[in-house]
Amino acid sequence: MKQNLRKIQLAEKVIVELGMGDGQVLQRLVEEYSGDRTVSYVGIEKDKILAQQARMRVKSQNVMIINSMFEQILVLFCDQCIDLAVMVLPDPDYIDPINHEKWGPFYGQIIHSKLKDSGVLKVVTEIINDLLEPVSDVTYSTQVNWLIDAFFNLGFSLLTKKDGPPIGYASFYLDKFKADPQRIRIVTLDFVKLKKVPSH
């Protein structure tokens, strides 16, 4: 696997999806860049059945699908080799404010080091309230702004913010959440990696 991973990283452009599920989003990304042989893709999913479904769904020579925890795979990447890292509806352990101390180092150290200097981290996440009641504009804005500040402190600057998922993206949970837009609101945040200034 390490040899294949090294080969993938030699591509002009490298796109990685973390926690890809059954591969619907990865398939969309491959279609978006169809015909461009300079792009290589890596999809990482810890669930064996979902990873197998992704292999059946995404048919392309420049796609590598890995059944593993993405923390274990990302450390095998060379520093500054990823152009785009995508996380769609990450587990609460990787996005919720209550778990910030746990996931902060993952983004601020591992993801940051593997992205190229102009690399982008795309996070598509849901905004809900504690009681699962309709999400007010104030609650939505407060949580989104908190995320933007949290990622800025980890070395990422907001590039774009979009209410809702990216156009053309589909997955089981995205489709499920879209059916309840009042209680579960989706936001797409594109962050660009900032160069970290060495501390003295």
Protein backbone atom coordinates (compact mmCIF):
# COMPACT_ATOMS: atom_id res chain seq x y z
CA MET A 1 0.00 0.00 0.00
CA LYS A 2 2.82 2.42 0.86
CA GLN A 3 4.25 2.07 -2.65
CA ASN A 4 0.87 2.79 -4.27
CA LEU A 5 0.39 5.74 -1.93
CA ARG A 6 3.77 7.18 -2.94
CA LYS A 7 2.80 6.85 -6.59
CA ILE A 8 -0.50 8.67 -5.97
CA GLN A 9 1.36 11.51 -4.25
CA LEU A 10 3.50 12.12 -7.33
CA ALA A 11 0.42 13.36 -9.20
CA GLU A 12 0.22 17.05 -10.05
CA LYS A 13 -2.94 17.34 -7.96
CA VAL A 14 -3.96 15.14 -5.00
CA ILE A 15 -7.49 15.07 -3.55
CA VAL A 16 -8.22 13.14 -0.37
CA GLU A 17 -11.61 12.42 1.19
CA LEU A 18 -11.55 11.54 4.88
CA GLY A 19 -14.38 9.27 5.99
CA MET A 20 -15.77 8.81 2.48
CA GLY A 21 -18.65 6.45 3.40
CA ASP A 22 -19.92 4.59 0.33
CA GLY A 23 -18.03 6.82 -2.10
CA GLN A 24 -20.83 9.02 -3.46
CA VAL A 25 -18.93 12.24 -2.82
CA LEU A 26 -15.67 10.76 -4.09
CA GLN A 27 -17.44 9.70 -7.28
CA ARG A 28 -18.68 13.28 -7.70
CA LEU A 29 -15.14 14.62 -7.27
CA VAL A 30 -13.82 12.17 -9.89
CA GLU A 31 -16.57 13.27 -12.29
CA GLU A 32 -15.77 16.94 -11.61
CA TYR A 33 -12.19 16.45 -12.78
CA SER A 34 -12.95 13.77 -15.37
CA GLY A 35 -10.44 13.62 -18.18
CA ASP A 36 -7.72 15.29 -16.11
CA ARG A 37 -5.06 12.61 -15.70
CA THR A 38 -2.96 14.90 -13.51
CA VAL A 39 -5.39 14.41 -10.60
CA SER A 40 -5.17 11.49 -8.18
CA TYR A 41 -7.71 10.63 -5.49
CA VAL A 42 -7.55 8.85 -2.16
CA GLY A 43 -10.67 7.86 -0.24
CA ILE A 44 -10.27 6.66 3.34
CA GLU A 45 -13.04 4.88 5.26
CA LYS A 46 -12.81 2.83 8.46
CA ASP A 47 -16.00 0.82 7.81
CA LYS A 48 -15.06 -2.22 5.72
CA ILE A 49 -18.50 -2.64 4.10
CA LEU A 50 -18.72 1.03 3.11
CA ALA A 51 -15.18 0.94 1.72
CA GLN A 52 -16.12 -2.06 -0.42
CA GLN A 53 -19.23 -0.26 -1.67
CA ALA A 54 -17.02 2.69 -2.62
CA ARG A 55 -14.70 0.39 -4.58
CA MET A 56 -17.70 -0.91 -6.53
CA ARG A 57 -19.00 2.62 -7.12
CA VAL A 58 -15.85 4.53 -8.08
CA LYS A 59 -14.14 3.02 -11.11
CA SER A 60 -10.99 4.91 -12.04
CA GLN A 61 -7.32 4.03 -12.33
CA ASN A 62 -6.23 7.15 -10.48
CA VAL A 63 -8.36 6.42 -7.37
CA MET A 64 -7.07 4.62 -4.29
CA ILE A 65 -9.60 3.49 -1.69
CA ILE A 66 -8.27 2.56 1.72
CA ASN A 67 -10.12 0.76 4.52
CA SER A 68 -8.54 2.24 7.64
CA MET A 69 -8.66 5.04 10.20
CA PHE A 70 -7.64 8.19 8.37
CA GLU A 71 -5.27 9.29 11.15
CA GLN A 72 -3.22 6.14 10.53
CA ILE A 73 -3.07 6.76 6.76
CA LEU A 74 -2.44 10.51 6.71
CA VAL A 75 0.85 10.13 8.57
CA LEU A 76 2.10 8.05 5.61
CA PHE A 77 1.64 11.03 3.25
CA CYS A 78 4.55 13.31 2.48
CA ASP A 79 4.31 16.80 3.92
CA GLN A 80 2.79 19.40 1.59
CA CYS A 81 1.46 16.94 -0.98
CA ILE A 82 -2.35 17.31 -0.71
CA ASP A 83 -4.21 19.96 -2.72
CA LEU A 84 -7.69 19.33 -1.36
CA ALA A 85 -8.83 17.46 1.76
CA VAL A 86 -12.59 16.87 2.06
CA MET A 87 -14.62 15.96 5.14
CA VAL A 88 -18.38 15.59 4.65
CA LEU A 89 -20.43 15.38 7.86
CA PRO A 90 -17.48 14.42 10.08
CA ASP A 91 -18.11 12.48 13.25
CA PRO A 92 -18.75 14.75 16.28
CA ASP A 93 -15.34 13.67 17.59
CA TYR A 94 -13.83 15.71 14.74
CA ILE A 95 -16.00 18.84 14.73
CA ASP A 96 -18.05 19.45 17.90
CA PRO A 97 -16.98 22.26 20.25
CA ILE A 98 -17.10 19.89 23.24
CA ASN A 99 -14.41 17.74 21.59
CA HIS A 100 -12.27 20.66 20.39
CA GLU A 101 -9.21 19.77 22.47
CA LYS A 102 -9.27 16.29 20.94
CA TRP A 103 -9.66 17.26 17.26
CA GLY A 104 -7.68 20.50 17.28
CA PRO A 105 -4.25 18.82 16.94
CA PHE A 106 -5.56 16.58 14.14
CA TYR A 107 -6.35 19.57 11.91
CA GLY A 108 -3.71 21.95 13.22
CA GLN A 109 -0.82 19.50 12.99
CA ILE A 110 -1.57 16.51 10.75
CA ILE A 111 -3.89 18.04 8.14
CA HIS A 112 -2.01 21.34 8.11
CA SER A 113 1.35 19.64 7.49
CA LYS A 114 0.05 17.41 4.67
CA LEU A 115 -1.68 20.21 2.72
CA LYS A 116 0.30 22.19 0.17
CA ASP A 117 0.85 25.86 1.01
CA SER A 118 -2.18 26.77 -1.10
CA GLY A 119 -4.08 23.62 -0.10
CA VAL A 120 -7.76 23.68 0.81
CA LEU A 121 -9.65 21.90 3.56
CA LYS A 122 -13.35 21.55 2.71
CA VAL A 123 -15.60 20.83 5.69
CA VAL A 124 -19.30 20.12 5.18
CA THR A 125 -21.02 19.88 8.54
CA GLU A 126 -24.41 20.09 10.19
CA ILE A 127 -25.54 22.72 12.67
CA ILE A 128 -28.07 21.58 15.27
CA ASN A 129 -29.12 22.71 18.74
CA ASP A 130 -28.95 20.62 21.89
CA LEU A 131 -32.69 19.95 21.98
CA LEU A 132 -32.93 19.10 18.26
CA GLU A 133 -35.42 21.92 17.79
CA PRO A 134 -35.48 24.22 14.72
CA VAL A 135 -32.14 26.01 14.43
CA SER A 136 -32.50 29.79 14.61
CA ASP A 137 -30.42 32.12 12.47
CA VAL A 138 -28.66 33.30 15.63
CA THR A 139 -27.71 29.77 16.69
CA TYR A 140 -26.58 28.93 13.17
CA SER A 141 -24.47 32.07 12.85
CA THR A 142 -22.93 31.63 16.32
CA GLN A 143 -21.87 28.02 15.68
CA VAL A 144 -20.54 28.73 12.18
CA ASN A 145 -18.53 31.72 13.41
CA TRP A 146 -17.13 29.60 16.24
CA LEU A 147 -15.95 27.01 13.71
CA ILE A 148 -14.35 29.68 11.53
CA ASP A 149 -12.47 31.10 14.54
CA ALA A 150 -11.45 27.63 15.75
CA PHE A 151 -9.95 26.70 12.38
CA PHE A 152 -8.26 30.10 12.08
CA ASN A 153 -6.51 29.41 15.38
CA LEU A 154 -5.37 26.08 13.93
CA GLY A 155 -3.73 27.74 10.93
CA PHE A 156 -6.57 28.02 8.39
CA SER A 157 -8.19 31.08 6.84
CA LEU A 158 -11.77 31.02 5.56
CA LEU A 159 -11.85 31.00 1.77
CA THR A 160 -15.59 30.60 1.18
CA LYS A 161 -18.72 29.87 3.22
CA LYS A 162 -21.86 28.40 1.67
CA ASP A 163 -25.19 27.66 3.33
CA GLY A 164 -26.00 24.06 2.47
CA PRO A 165 -23.87 21.31 0.92
CA PRO A 166 -21.79 21.79 -2.23
CA ILE A 167 -23.79 21.55 -5.45
CA GLY A 168 -23.89 18.01 -6.75
CA TYR A 169 -22.75 16.36 -3.52
CA ALA A 170 -24.82 13.43 -2.30
CA SER A 171 -24.54 10.86 0.44
CA PHE A 172 -26.92 8.90 2.62
CA TYR A 173 -26.74 11.40 5.49
CA LEU A 174 -26.71 14.51 3.33
CA ASP A 175 -29.90 13.34 1.65
CA LYS A 176 -31.42 12.42 5.03
CA PHE A 177 -30.55 15.77 6.61
CA LYS A 178 -31.82 17.73 3.59
CA ALA A 179 -35.28 16.38 4.40
CA ASP A 180 -35.22 18.23 7.75
CA PRO A 181 -33.66 21.63 6.92
CA GLN A 182 -35.18 23.42 9.91
CA ARG A 183 -33.68 21.21 12.62
CA ILE A 184 -30.49 20.31 10.78
CA ARG A 185 -28.79 23.06 8.81
CA ILE A 186 -25.80 22.29 6.61
CA VAL A 187 -22.85 24.62 6.02
CA THR A 188 -19.87 24.22 3.68
CA LEU A 189 -16.64 25.88 4.77
CA ASP A 190 -13.58 26.05 2.52
CA PHE A 191 -10.41 26.84 4.45
CA VAL A 192 -7.05 27.64 2.90
CA LYS A 193 -3.90 26.67 4.71
CA LEU A 194 -1.98 29.56 6.24
CA LYS A 195 1.78 29.42 6.47
CA LYS A 196 2.66 29.08 10.11
CA VAL A 197 5.20 31.53 11.47
CA PRO A 198 7.87 29.74 13.53
CA SER A 199 7.62 30.63 17.22
CA HIS A 200 10.70 32.03 18.94
